[in-house]
Amino acid sequence: MSTHVLFPILVATALGVPAAVAVNDETECRLLVSFDKPGAVTAWRAVNDNVMGGRSRGGPGYGDGALVFSGSIDTDGGGFSSIRAPLEPGVLAGTSGLKLRVRPDDRSYRVTLRTDRRYRGMEVAWRAVIDAPRPGEWTDSIVRFADLEPAVRGRRIAAGPFEPAAATSIGIIISDGRDGPFELSVESIHACVF
């Protein structure tokens, strides 16, 4: 098995934390990944607007027990930066959303999930805003799969609902239309049943 794939039960067990945790009386979550060790960041790679001629920069790093997604956006010729990691096949089966423990700046980020679904030959990304209203503070952001919107190259399309069992990758993107530096820290990601 590749160390670059996210394993919910294996990661949880290796870190000595329970594989399932209760968020409230109606929610059960299992750990997808914890970033308390630098090696957890190695599965993540950058995909920036330079793939289409843009000049934004950004990528994953590690600091203070968290994945640190940082860089700078340049809206002239592009305007986005993202990071992605592969998911073990079927790892999201039976779940209805994600819980991300994040510390944001004052910018807007989205989580993205991909399957093998294509639209006119292009990869579809299901996306939703990471709700984290308090810059500089750690918070739990809930993303429900029912709220995900399908998009291709940042444009919303009609592609049907997201199928959790078919997920192949997870990512985070910033494309908020603002130039300048950004930084989002992520402590952990859980898959949940709401």
N, C-alpha and C. Protein backbone atom coordinates (compact mmCIF):
# COMPACT_ATOMS: atom_id res chain seq x y z
N MET A 1 0.84 -1.19 0.00
CA MET A 1 0.00 0.00 0.00
C MET A 1 0.88 1.24 0.00
N SER A 2 0.44 2.23 -0.75
CA SER A 2 1.21 3.46 -0.87
C SER A 2 1.08 4.32 0.37
N THR A 3 2.16 4.95 0.78
CA THR A 3 2.08 5.88 1.90
C THR A 3 1.48 7.20 1.47
N HIS A 4 1.25 7.35 0.16
CA HIS A 4 0.68 8.60 -0.35
C HIS A 4 -0.83 8.53 -0.47
N VAL A 5 -1.45 7.51 0.09
CA VAL A 5 -2.90 7.37 0.05
C VAL A 5 -3.44 7.54 1.46
N LEU A 6 -4.58 8.17 1.58
CA LEU A 6 -5.17 8.40 2.89
C LEU A 6 -5.95 7.18 3.34
N PHE A 7 -5.64 6.66 4.52
CA PHE A 7 -6.32 5.50 5.07
C PHE A 7 -6.99 5.89 6.37
N PRO A 8 -8.32 5.84 6.45
CA PRO A 8 -8.97 6.32 7.67
C PRO A 8 -8.66 5.47 8.90
N ILE A 9 -8.86 4.18 8.82
CA ILE A 9 -8.68 3.34 9.99
C ILE A 9 -7.21 3.19 10.33
N LEU A 10 -6.37 2.98 9.32
CA LEU A 10 -4.95 2.77 9.57
C LEU A 10 -4.30 4.01 10.18
N VAL A 11 -4.64 5.18 9.66
CA VAL A 11 -4.07 6.40 10.20
C VAL A 11 -4.52 6.58 11.64
N ALA A 12 -5.82 6.38 11.88
CA ALA A 12 -6.35 6.57 13.23
C ALA A 12 -5.69 5.61 14.21
N THR A 13 -5.56 4.36 13.82
CA THR A 13 -4.96 3.37 14.69
C THR A 13 -3.49 3.69 14.97
N ALA A 14 -2.76 4.06 13.92
CA ALA A 14 -1.34 4.36 14.08
C ALA A 14 -1.11 5.55 15.00
N LEU A 15 -2.05 6.47 15.02
CA LEU A 15 -1.88 7.65 15.85
C LEU A 15 -2.43 7.46 17.25
N GLY A 16 -3.02 6.28 17.50
CA GLY A 16 -3.53 6.00 18.84
C GLY A 16 -4.83 6.72 19.15
N VAL A 17 -5.59 7.10 18.14
CA VAL A 17 -6.89 7.72 18.37
C VAL A 17 -7.96 6.78 17.88
N PRO A 18 -9.18 6.91 18.38
CA PRO A 18 -10.24 6.01 17.95
C PRO A 18 -10.57 6.22 16.48
N ALA A 19 -10.98 5.15 15.81
CA ALA A 19 -11.32 5.23 14.39
C ALA A 19 -12.62 5.98 14.19
N ALA A 20 -13.50 6.00 15.18
CA ALA A 20 -14.75 6.73 15.07
C ALA A 20 -14.91 7.62 16.29
N VAL A 21 -15.39 8.83 16.06
CA VAL A 21 -15.61 9.75 17.17
C VAL A 21 -16.99 10.37 17.00
N ALA A 22 -17.63 10.65 18.10
CA ALA A 22 -18.94 11.29 18.05
C ALA A 22 -18.77 12.80 18.02
N VAL A 23 -19.39 13.45 17.04
CA VAL A 23 -19.37 14.91 16.97
C VAL A 23 -20.52 15.45 17.80
N ASN A 24 -21.67 14.82 17.71
CA ASN A 24 -22.81 15.09 18.57
C ASN A 24 -23.63 13.81 18.62
N ASP A 25 -24.81 13.85 19.23
CA ASP A 25 -25.59 12.63 19.40
C ASP A 25 -26.04 12.01 18.08
N GLU A 26 -26.06 12.78 17.00
CA GLU A 26 -26.57 12.28 15.74
C GLU A 26 -25.49 12.10 14.68
N THR A 27 -24.25 12.35 15.02
CA THR A 27 -23.17 12.32 14.03
C THR A 27 -22.06 11.39 14.48
N GLU A 28 -21.57 10.59 13.55
CA GLU A 28 -20.41 9.75 13.82
C GLU A 28 -19.38 10.01 12.74
N CYS A 29 -18.13 10.20 13.15
CA CYS A 29 -17.07 10.50 12.20
C CYS A 29 -15.91 9.53 12.37
N ARG A 30 -15.21 9.27 11.28
CA ARG A 30 -13.98 8.48 11.35
C ARG A 30 -12.85 9.30 10.72
N LEU A 31 -11.69 9.17 11.26
CA LEU A 31 -10.54 9.95 10.84
C LEU A 31 -10.07 9.53 9.45
N LEU A 32 -9.98 10.50 8.55
CA LEU A 32 -9.35 10.26 7.24
C LEU A 32 -7.86 10.51 7.35
N VAL A 33 -7.50 11.66 7.90
CA VAL A 33 -6.09 11.98 8.05
C VAL A 33 -5.90 13.01 9.15
N SER A 34 -4.82 12.83 9.90
CA SER A 34 -4.39 13.79 10.90
C SER A 34 -3.02 14.29 10.47
N PHE A 35 -2.82 15.59 10.59
CA PHE A 35 -1.56 16.18 10.15
C PHE A 35 -0.63 16.49 11.32
N ASP A 36 -0.70 15.66 12.37
CA ASP A 36 0.15 15.94 13.53
C ASP A 36 1.59 15.51 13.32
N LYS A 37 1.89 14.85 12.19
CA LYS A 37 3.26 14.48 11.85
C LYS A 37 3.57 14.96 10.43
N PRO A 38 4.78 15.44 10.16
CA PRO A 38 5.12 15.98 8.84
C PRO A 38 4.86 15.01 7.68
N GLY A 39 5.01 13.70 7.92
CA GLY A 39 4.83 12.73 6.84
C GLY A 39 3.43 12.69 6.28
N ALA A 40 2.44 13.15 7.03
CA ALA A 40 1.06 13.14 6.55
C ALA A 40 0.84 14.12 5.41
N VAL A 41 1.75 15.07 5.24
CA VAL A 41 1.61 16.09 4.20
C VAL A 41 2.12 15.59 2.84
N THR A 42 2.94 14.54 2.84
CA THR A 42 3.59 14.11 1.59
C THR A 42 2.63 13.64 0.52
N ALA A 43 1.41 13.24 0.88
CA ALA A 43 0.44 12.79 -0.11
C ALA A 43 -0.16 13.94 -0.91
N TRP A 44 0.01 15.16 -0.43
CA TRP A 44 -0.64 16.32 -1.04
C TRP A 44 0.29 16.98 -2.07
N ARG A 45 -0.30 17.37 -3.21
CA ARG A 45 0.47 18.03 -4.27
C ARG A 45 -0.25 19.30 -4.71
N ALA A 46 0.52 20.23 -5.23
CA ALA A 46 -0.03 21.50 -5.69
C ALA A 46 -0.51 21.40 -7.13
N VAL A 47 -1.63 22.07 -7.42
CA VAL A 47 -2.12 22.27 -8.78
C VAL A 47 -2.54 23.74 -8.84
N ASN A 48 -1.73 24.55 -9.53
CA ASN A 48 -1.98 25.99 -9.57
C ASN A 48 -2.36 26.45 -10.98
N ASP A 49 -2.70 27.73 -11.09
CA ASP A 49 -3.17 28.24 -12.38
C ASP A 49 -2.09 28.29 -13.46
N ASN A 50 -0.85 27.97 -13.11
CA ASN A 50 0.20 27.96 -14.15
C ASN A 50 -0.03 26.84 -15.16
N VAL A 51 -0.94 25.88 -14.84
CA VAL A 51 -1.29 24.86 -15.82
C VAL A 51 -2.04 25.47 -17.00
N MET A 52 -2.53 26.72 -16.83
CA MET A 52 -3.23 27.42 -17.91
C MET A 52 -2.63 28.80 -18.16
N GLY A 53 -1.38 28.99 -17.79
CA GLY A 53 -0.69 30.24 -18.06
C GLY A 53 -0.74 31.27 -16.96
N GLY A 54 -1.31 30.95 -15.81
CA GLY A 54 -1.40 31.90 -14.71
C GLY A 54 -0.10 32.01 -13.94
N ARG A 55 -0.09 32.92 -12.94
CA ARG A 55 1.12 33.18 -12.18
C ARG A 55 0.95 33.05 -10.67
N SER A 56 -0.16 32.44 -10.26
CA SER A 56 -0.34 32.21 -8.82
C SER A 56 0.61 31.12 -8.37
N ARG A 57 0.93 31.14 -7.09
CA ARG A 57 1.78 30.08 -6.55
C ARG A 57 1.21 29.66 -5.21
N GLY A 58 1.48 28.42 -4.86
CA GLY A 58 0.99 27.91 -3.60
C GLY A 58 1.19 26.41 -3.52
N GLY A 59 1.05 25.88 -2.33
CA GLY A 59 1.20 24.45 -2.16
C GLY A 59 1.15 24.06 -0.71
N PRO A 60 1.32 22.75 -0.46
CA PRO A 60 1.26 22.25 0.91
C PRO A 60 2.59 22.36 1.63
N GLY A 61 2.52 22.61 2.91
CA GLY A 61 3.68 22.61 3.79
C GLY A 61 3.26 22.07 5.13
N TYR A 62 4.15 22.12 6.09
CA TYR A 62 3.85 21.59 7.42
C TYR A 62 4.31 22.58 8.47
N GLY A 63 3.48 22.78 9.50
CA GLY A 63 3.87 23.65 10.60
C GLY A 63 2.91 23.55 11.76
N ASP A 64 3.43 23.52 12.97
CA ASP A 64 2.62 23.48 14.20
C ASP A 64 1.58 22.37 14.19
N GLY A 65 1.97 21.18 13.72
CA GLY A 65 1.07 20.04 13.74
C GLY A 65 -0.07 20.11 12.76
N ALA A 66 0.14 20.81 11.64
CA ALA A 66 -0.93 20.96 10.66
C ALA A 66 -0.38 21.03 9.24
N LEU A 67 -1.21 20.66 8.29
CA LEU A 67 -0.93 20.95 6.89
C LEU A 67 -1.14 22.44 6.71
N VAL A 68 -0.19 23.12 6.08
CA VAL A 68 -0.31 24.55 5.84
C VAL A 68 -0.36 24.77 4.33
N PHE A 69 -1.52 25.19 3.84
CA PHE A 69 -1.73 25.49 2.43
C PHE A 69 -1.54 27.00 2.29
N SER A 70 -0.44 27.41 1.62
CA SER A 70 -0.13 28.84 1.54
C SER A 70 0.47 29.19 0.20
N GLY A 71 0.48 30.47 -0.10
CA GLY A 71 1.04 30.97 -1.34
C GLY A 71 0.53 32.36 -1.61
N SER A 72 0.41 32.70 -2.90
CA SER A 72 -0.07 34.02 -3.30
C SER A 72 -0.86 33.89 -4.59
N ILE A 73 -2.00 34.56 -4.66
CA ILE A 73 -2.86 34.54 -5.84
C ILE A 73 -2.55 35.75 -6.71
N ASP A 74 -2.47 35.50 -8.02
CA ASP A 74 -2.33 36.54 -9.03
C ASP A 74 -3.48 36.35 -10.01
N THR A 75 -4.45 37.26 -9.99
CA THR A 75 -5.65 37.11 -10.83
C THR A 75 -5.41 37.47 -12.29
N ASP A 76 -4.23 37.99 -12.62
CA ASP A 76 -3.92 38.33 -14.00
C ASP A 76 -3.49 37.05 -14.73
N GLY A 77 -4.42 36.45 -15.46
CA GLY A 77 -4.10 35.25 -16.23
C GLY A 77 -4.45 33.95 -15.53
N GLY A 78 -5.14 34.02 -14.42
CA GLY A 78 -5.50 32.78 -13.71
C GLY A 78 -6.30 33.10 -12.48
N GLY A 79 -5.66 32.94 -11.33
CA GLY A 79 -6.33 33.31 -10.10
C GLY A 79 -6.70 32.17 -9.18
N PHE A 80 -6.01 31.03 -9.28
CA PHE A 80 -6.29 29.97 -8.31
C PHE A 80 -5.04 29.20 -7.92
N SER A 81 -5.13 28.62 -6.73
CA SER A 81 -4.13 27.71 -6.23
C SER A 81 -4.87 26.59 -5.52
N SER A 82 -4.37 25.36 -5.67
CA SER A 82 -5.04 24.24 -5.02
C SER A 82 -4.05 23.17 -4.61
N ILE A 83 -4.51 22.32 -3.71
CA ILE A 83 -3.76 21.13 -3.32
C ILE A 83 -4.71 19.94 -3.38
N ARG A 84 -4.13 18.74 -3.66
CA ARG A 84 -4.94 17.52 -3.77
C ARG A 84 -4.18 16.35 -3.19
N ALA A 85 -4.96 15.34 -2.79
CA ALA A 85 -4.39 14.08 -2.35
C ALA A 85 -5.31 12.95 -2.80
N PRO A 86 -4.73 11.79 -3.11
CA PRO A 86 -5.57 10.65 -3.51
C PRO A 86 -6.32 10.07 -2.31
N LEU A 87 -7.43 9.43 -2.61
CA LEU A 87 -8.21 8.72 -1.59
C LEU A 87 -8.20 7.23 -1.90
N GLU A 88 -8.15 6.43 -0.87
CA GLU A 88 -8.27 4.99 -1.02
C GLU A 88 -9.65 4.68 -1.61
N PRO A 89 -9.76 3.82 -2.62
CA PRO A 89 -11.06 3.50 -3.21
C PRO A 89 -12.08 3.07 -2.15
N GLY A 90 -13.27 3.67 -2.22
CA GLY A 90 -14.36 3.32 -1.31
C GLY A 90 -14.28 3.90 0.08
N VAL A 91 -13.25 4.70 0.38
CA VAL A 91 -13.05 5.20 1.74
C VAL A 91 -14.20 6.09 2.23
N LEU A 92 -14.93 6.73 1.31
CA LEU A 92 -16.04 7.59 1.73
C LEU A 92 -17.40 6.89 1.62
N ALA A 93 -17.41 5.62 1.26
CA ALA A 93 -18.67 4.88 1.15
C ALA A 93 -19.42 4.92 2.47
N GLY A 94 -20.73 5.15 2.39
CA GLY A 94 -21.56 5.17 3.59
C GLY A 94 -21.48 6.43 4.41
N THR A 95 -20.75 7.43 3.94
CA THR A 95 -20.65 8.70 4.67
C THR A 95 -21.44 9.78 3.94
N SER A 96 -21.73 10.86 4.65
CA SER A 96 -22.53 11.93 4.04
C SER A 96 -21.87 13.29 4.11
N GLY A 97 -20.62 13.34 4.59
CA GLY A 97 -19.94 14.61 4.62
C GLY A 97 -18.57 14.54 5.29
N LEU A 98 -17.94 15.69 5.39
CA LEU A 98 -16.61 15.81 5.97
C LEU A 98 -16.64 16.81 7.12
N LYS A 99 -15.74 16.61 8.06
CA LYS A 99 -15.48 17.59 9.11
C LYS A 99 -14.01 17.95 9.03
N LEU A 100 -13.70 19.20 8.74
CA LEU A 100 -12.33 19.66 8.63
C LEU A 100 -12.02 20.58 9.82
N ARG A 101 -10.92 20.30 10.50
CA ARG A 101 -10.46 21.17 11.58
C ARG A 101 -9.47 22.14 10.95
N VAL A 102 -9.87 23.43 10.85
CA VAL A 102 -9.09 24.40 10.09
C VAL A 102 -8.85 25.69 10.88
N ARG A 103 -7.77 26.37 10.48
CA ARG A 103 -7.49 27.73 10.97
C ARG A 103 -7.28 28.58 9.72
N PRO A 104 -8.27 29.40 9.36
CA PRO A 104 -8.20 30.17 8.12
C PRO A 104 -7.60 31.56 8.32
N ASP A 105 -7.27 32.19 7.20
CA ASP A 105 -7.05 33.63 7.21
C ASP A 105 -8.40 34.25 6.87
N ASP A 106 -8.43 35.44 6.27
CA ASP A 106 -9.71 36.08 5.98
C ASP A 106 -10.18 35.84 4.54
N ARG A 107 -9.70 34.75 3.92
CA ARG A 107 -10.05 34.47 2.54
C ARG A 107 -11.00 33.27 2.46
N SER A 108 -11.53 33.03 1.26
CA SER A 108 -12.52 31.97 1.05
C SER A 108 -11.89 30.76 0.37
N TYR A 109 -12.12 29.58 0.95
CA TYR A 109 -11.57 28.32 0.43
C TYR A 109 -12.72 27.34 0.18
N ARG A 110 -12.45 26.40 -0.71
CA ARG A 110 -13.42 25.34 -0.98
C ARG A 110 -12.74 23.98 -0.88
N VAL A 111 -13.50 23.01 -0.42
CA VAL A 111 -13.04 21.63 -0.50
C VAL A 111 -13.49 21.10 -1.86
N THR A 112 -12.68 20.25 -2.46
CA THR A 112 -13.04 19.63 -3.74
C THR A 112 -12.89 18.12 -3.63
N LEU A 113 -13.81 17.42 -4.26
CA LEU A 113 -13.76 15.97 -4.31
C LEU A 113 -13.94 15.54 -5.76
N ARG A 114 -13.20 14.51 -6.15
CA ARG A 114 -13.25 14.02 -7.52
C ARG A 114 -13.54 12.53 -7.55
N THR A 115 -14.19 12.11 -8.64
CA THR A 115 -14.39 10.70 -8.94
C THR A 115 -13.82 10.50 -10.34
N ASP A 116 -14.19 9.42 -11.01
CA ASP A 116 -13.73 9.26 -12.40
C ASP A 116 -14.72 9.88 -13.39
N ARG A 117 -15.71 10.63 -12.89
CA ARG A 117 -16.72 11.26 -13.75
C ARG A 117 -16.07 12.32 -14.63
N ARG A 118 -16.48 12.34 -15.91
CA ARG A 118 -16.00 13.31 -16.89
C ARG A 118 -17.18 14.07 -17.49
N TYR A 119 -16.90 15.27 -17.93
CA TYR A 119 -17.90 16.09 -18.62
C TYR A 119 -17.21 16.65 -19.86
N ARG A 120 -17.68 16.22 -21.02
CA ARG A 120 -17.06 16.61 -22.29
C ARG A 120 -15.56 16.34 -22.26
N GLY A 121 -15.19 15.21 -21.67
CA GLY A 121 -13.80 14.78 -21.62
C GLY A 121 -12.98 15.38 -20.51
N MET A 122 -13.56 16.30 -19.72
CA MET A 122 -12.82 16.97 -18.65
C MET A 122 -13.26 16.46 -17.28
N GLU A 123 -12.32 16.45 -16.34
CA GLU A 123 -12.55 15.97 -14.99
C GLU A 123 -13.53 16.87 -14.24
N VAL A 124 -14.51 16.24 -13.59
CA VAL A 124 -15.49 16.97 -12.78
C VAL A 124 -14.99 17.05 -11.34
N ALA A 125 -15.11 18.23 -10.74
CA ALA A 125 -14.78 18.41 -9.32
C ALA A 125 -16.05 18.86 -8.60
N TRP A 126 -16.40 18.16 -7.52
CA TRP A 126 -17.52 18.60 -6.69
C TRP A 126 -16.93 19.47 -5.61
N ARG A 127 -17.53 20.62 -5.36
CA ARG A 127 -16.92 21.59 -4.45
C ARG A 127 -17.95 22.23 -3.53
N ALA A 128 -17.46 22.68 -2.38
CA ALA A 128 -18.29 23.41 -1.42
C ALA A 128 -17.39 24.31 -0.59
N VAL A 129 -17.93 25.41 -0.15
CA VAL A 129 -17.18 26.38 0.66
C VAL A 129 -16.85 25.77 2.02
N ILE A 130 -15.63 26.01 2.46
CA ILE A 130 -15.21 25.65 3.82
C ILE A 130 -15.66 26.79 4.72
N ASP A 131 -16.66 26.54 5.53
CA ASP A 131 -17.22 27.57 6.39
C ASP A 131 -16.34 27.72 7.64
N ALA A 132 -15.57 28.79 7.67
CA ALA A 132 -14.68 29.06 8.80
C ALA A 132 -14.65 30.57 9.01
N PRO A 133 -15.64 31.09 9.74
CA PRO A 133 -15.83 32.54 9.81
C PRO A 133 -14.88 33.32 10.70
N ARG A 134 -14.04 32.63 11.49
CA ARG A 134 -13.18 33.36 12.44
C ARG A 134 -11.72 33.26 12.04
N PRO A 135 -11.20 34.24 11.29
CA PRO A 135 -9.80 34.21 10.88
C PRO A 135 -8.86 34.07 12.07
N GLY A 136 -7.86 33.21 11.91
CA GLY A 136 -6.85 33.03 12.93
C GLY A 136 -7.24 32.09 14.06
N GLU A 137 -8.47 31.55 14.04
CA GLU A 137 -8.93 30.66 15.11
C GLU A 137 -9.23 29.27 14.56
N TRP A 138 -8.92 28.25 15.35
CA TRP A 138 -9.25 26.88 14.96
C TRP A 138 -10.75 26.68 15.06
N THR A 139 -11.31 26.02 14.04
CA THR A 139 -12.74 25.74 14.02
C THR A 139 -13.01 24.46 13.25
N ASP A 140 -14.13 23.81 13.55
CA ASP A 140 -14.56 22.64 12.80
C ASP A 140 -15.52 23.10 11.71
N SER A 141 -15.18 22.80 10.47
CA SER A 141 -16.04 23.15 9.34
C SER A 141 -16.67 21.88 8.80
N ILE A 142 -17.99 21.90 8.66
CA ILE A 142 -18.74 20.75 8.16
C ILE A 142 -19.07 20.97 6.69
N VAL A 143 -18.78 19.96 5.88
CA VAL A 143 -19.14 19.98 4.45
C VAL A 143 -20.02 18.77 4.20
N ARG A 144 -21.27 19.01 3.86
CA ARG A 144 -22.20 17.93 3.55
C ARG A 144 -22.14 17.61 2.06
N PHE A 145 -22.07 16.34 1.73
CA PHE A 145 -21.97 15.94 0.32
C PHE A 145 -23.18 16.42 -0.48
N ALA A 146 -24.34 16.51 0.14
CA ALA A 146 -25.55 16.97 -0.54
C ALA A 146 -25.41 18.42 -1.01
N ASP A 147 -24.49 19.18 -0.39
CA ASP A 147 -24.30 20.59 -0.75
C ASP A 147 -23.21 20.81 -1.81
N LEU A 148 -22.53 19.74 -2.21
CA LEU A 148 -21.47 19.87 -3.21
C LEU A 148 -22.04 20.24 -4.57
N GLU A 149 -21.34 21.13 -5.27
CA GLU A 149 -21.74 21.53 -6.62
C GLU A 149 -20.70 21.03 -7.62
N PRO A 150 -21.13 20.36 -8.70
CA PRO A 150 -20.18 19.90 -9.70
C PRO A 150 -19.68 21.05 -10.57
N ALA A 151 -18.40 21.02 -10.91
CA ALA A 151 -17.81 22.07 -11.73
C ALA A 151 -16.68 21.49 -12.58
N VAL A 152 -16.45 22.15 -13.71
CA VAL A 152 -15.31 21.84 -14.57
C VAL A 152 -14.58 23.15 -14.81
N ARG A 153 -13.30 23.17 -14.50
CA ARG A 153 -12.48 24.38 -14.64
C ARG A 153 -13.12 25.59 -13.97
N GLY A 154 -13.70 25.37 -12.81
CA GLY A 154 -14.29 26.45 -12.02
C GLY A 154 -15.69 26.85 -12.43
N ARG A 155 -16.24 26.26 -13.48
CA ARG A 155 -17.59 26.61 -13.93
C ARG A 155 -18.57 25.52 -13.54
N ARG A 156 -19.66 25.94 -12.92
CA ARG A 156 -20.68 24.98 -12.49
C ARG A 156 -21.32 24.30 -13.69
N ILE A 157 -21.55 23.00 -13.56
CA ILE A 157 -22.16 22.22 -14.63
C ILE A 157 -23.25 21.32 -14.05
N ALA A 158 -24.02 20.68 -14.93
CA ALA A 158 -25.01 19.69 -14.51
C ALA A 158 -24.36 18.32 -14.65
N ALA A 159 -24.00 17.71 -13.54
CA ALA A 159 -23.32 16.42 -13.59
C ALA A 159 -23.92 15.41 -12.62
N GLY A 160 -25.04 15.74 -12.02
CA GLY A 160 -25.65 14.82 -11.07
C GLY A 160 -25.00 14.91 -9.71
N PRO A 161 -25.51 14.13 -8.75
CA PRO A 161 -24.99 14.19 -7.38
C PRO A 161 -23.63 13.52 -7.23
N PHE A 162 -22.91 13.94 -6.21
CA PHE A 162 -21.64 13.33 -5.86
C PHE A 162 -21.89 11.94 -5.28
N GLU A 163 -21.07 10.98 -5.68
CA GLU A 163 -21.18 9.60 -5.20
C GLU A 163 -19.99 9.32 -4.28
N PRO A 164 -20.20 9.36 -2.97
CA PRO A 164 -19.07 9.20 -2.03
C PRO A 164 -18.24 7.95 -2.25
N ALA A 165 -18.87 6.83 -2.55
CA ALA A 165 -18.12 5.58 -2.70
C ALA A 165 -17.18 5.61 -3.89
N ALA A 166 -17.41 6.52 -4.84
CA ALA A 166 -16.59 6.60 -6.05
C ALA A 166 -15.48 7.64 -5.95
N ALA A 167 -15.34 8.31 -4.80
CA ALA A 167 -14.34 9.38 -4.66
C ALA A 167 -12.92 8.84 -4.85
N THR A 168 -12.14 9.58 -5.63
CA THR A 168 -10.75 9.20 -5.89
C THR A 168 -9.74 10.20 -5.33
N SER A 169 -10.19 11.45 -5.07
CA SER A 169 -9.26 12.43 -4.50
C SER A 169 -10.01 13.49 -3.73
N ILE A 170 -9.26 14.16 -2.85
CA ILE A 170 -9.78 15.27 -2.06
C ILE A 170 -8.83 16.44 -2.24
N GLY A 171 -9.37 17.64 -2.19
CA GLY A 171 -8.51 18.80 -2.36
C GLY A 171 -9.07 20.04 -1.68
N ILE A 172 -8.27 21.09 -1.71
CA ILE A 172 -8.67 22.41 -1.22
C ILE A 172 -8.22 23.41 -2.26
N ILE A 173 -9.09 24.37 -2.58
CA ILE A 173 -8.77 25.37 -3.59
C ILE A 173 -9.12 26.76 -3.07
N ILE A 174 -8.32 27.73 -3.49
CA ILE A 174 -8.64 29.14 -3.29
C ILE A 174 -8.73 29.77 -4.66
N SER A 175 -9.87 30.42 -4.93
CA SER A 175 -10.09 31.14 -6.19
C SER A 175 -11.11 32.23 -5.93
N ASP A 176 -10.78 33.10 -4.97
CA ASP A 176 -11.75 34.09 -4.49
C ASP A 176 -11.69 35.44 -5.21
N GLY A 177 -10.91 35.53 -6.28
CA GLY A 177 -10.85 36.76 -7.05
C GLY A 177 -10.01 37.87 -6.46
N ARG A 178 -9.23 37.57 -5.42
CA ARG A 178 -8.39 38.57 -4.76
C ARG A 178 -6.92 38.23 -4.97
N ASP A 179 -6.13 39.25 -5.29
CA ASP A 179 -4.69 39.10 -5.37
C ASP A 179 -4.10 39.10 -3.96
N GLY A 180 -2.94 38.45 -3.83
CA GLY A 180 -2.20 38.53 -2.58
C GLY A 180 -2.03 37.21 -1.87
N PRO A 181 -1.34 37.26 -0.72
CA PRO A 181 -1.00 36.04 0.01
C PRO A 181 -2.21 35.39 0.67
N PHE A 182 -2.07 34.09 0.91
CA PHE A 182 -3.12 33.34 1.60
C PHE A 182 -2.46 32.27 2.46
N GLU A 183 -3.21 31.82 3.48
CA GLU A 183 -2.73 30.71 4.31
C GLU A 183 -3.90 30.09 5.06
N LEU A 184 -4.04 28.78 4.88
CA LEU A 184 -5.05 27.99 5.57
C LEU A 184 -4.35 26.80 6.21
N SER A 185 -4.54 26.60 7.51
CA SER A 185 -3.98 25.44 8.20
C SER A 185 -5.09 24.41 8.42
N VAL A 186 -4.73 23.13 8.23
CA VAL A 186 -5.69 22.04 8.40
C VAL A 186 -5.07 21.03 9.37
N GLU A 187 -5.74 20.80 10.48
CA GLU A 187 -5.25 19.90 11.52
C GLU A 187 -5.67 18.45 11.25
N SER A 188 -6.91 18.27 10.79
CA SER A 188 -7.41 16.92 10.52
C SER A 188 -8.63 16.97 9.61
N ILE A 189 -8.94 15.83 8.99
CA ILE A 189 -10.13 15.68 8.16
C ILE A 189 -10.78 14.37 8.56
N HIS A 190 -12.08 14.44 8.86
CA HIS A 190 -12.87 13.27 9.21
C HIS A 190 -13.97 13.06 8.15
N ALA A 191 -14.34 11.81 7.90
CA ALA A 191 -15.51 11.47 7.10
C ALA A 191 -16.63 11.15 8.07
N CYS A 192 -17.82 11.72 7.84
CA CYS A 192 -18.89 11.64 8.82
C CYS A 192 -20.21 11.15 8.23
N VAL A 193 -21.06 10.67 9.12
CA VAL A 193 -22.45 10.35 8.80
C VAL A 193 -23.28 11.34 9.62
N PHE A 194 -23.98 12.21 8.92
CA PHE A 194 -24.80 13.23 9.60
C PHE A 194 -26.26 12.80 9.66
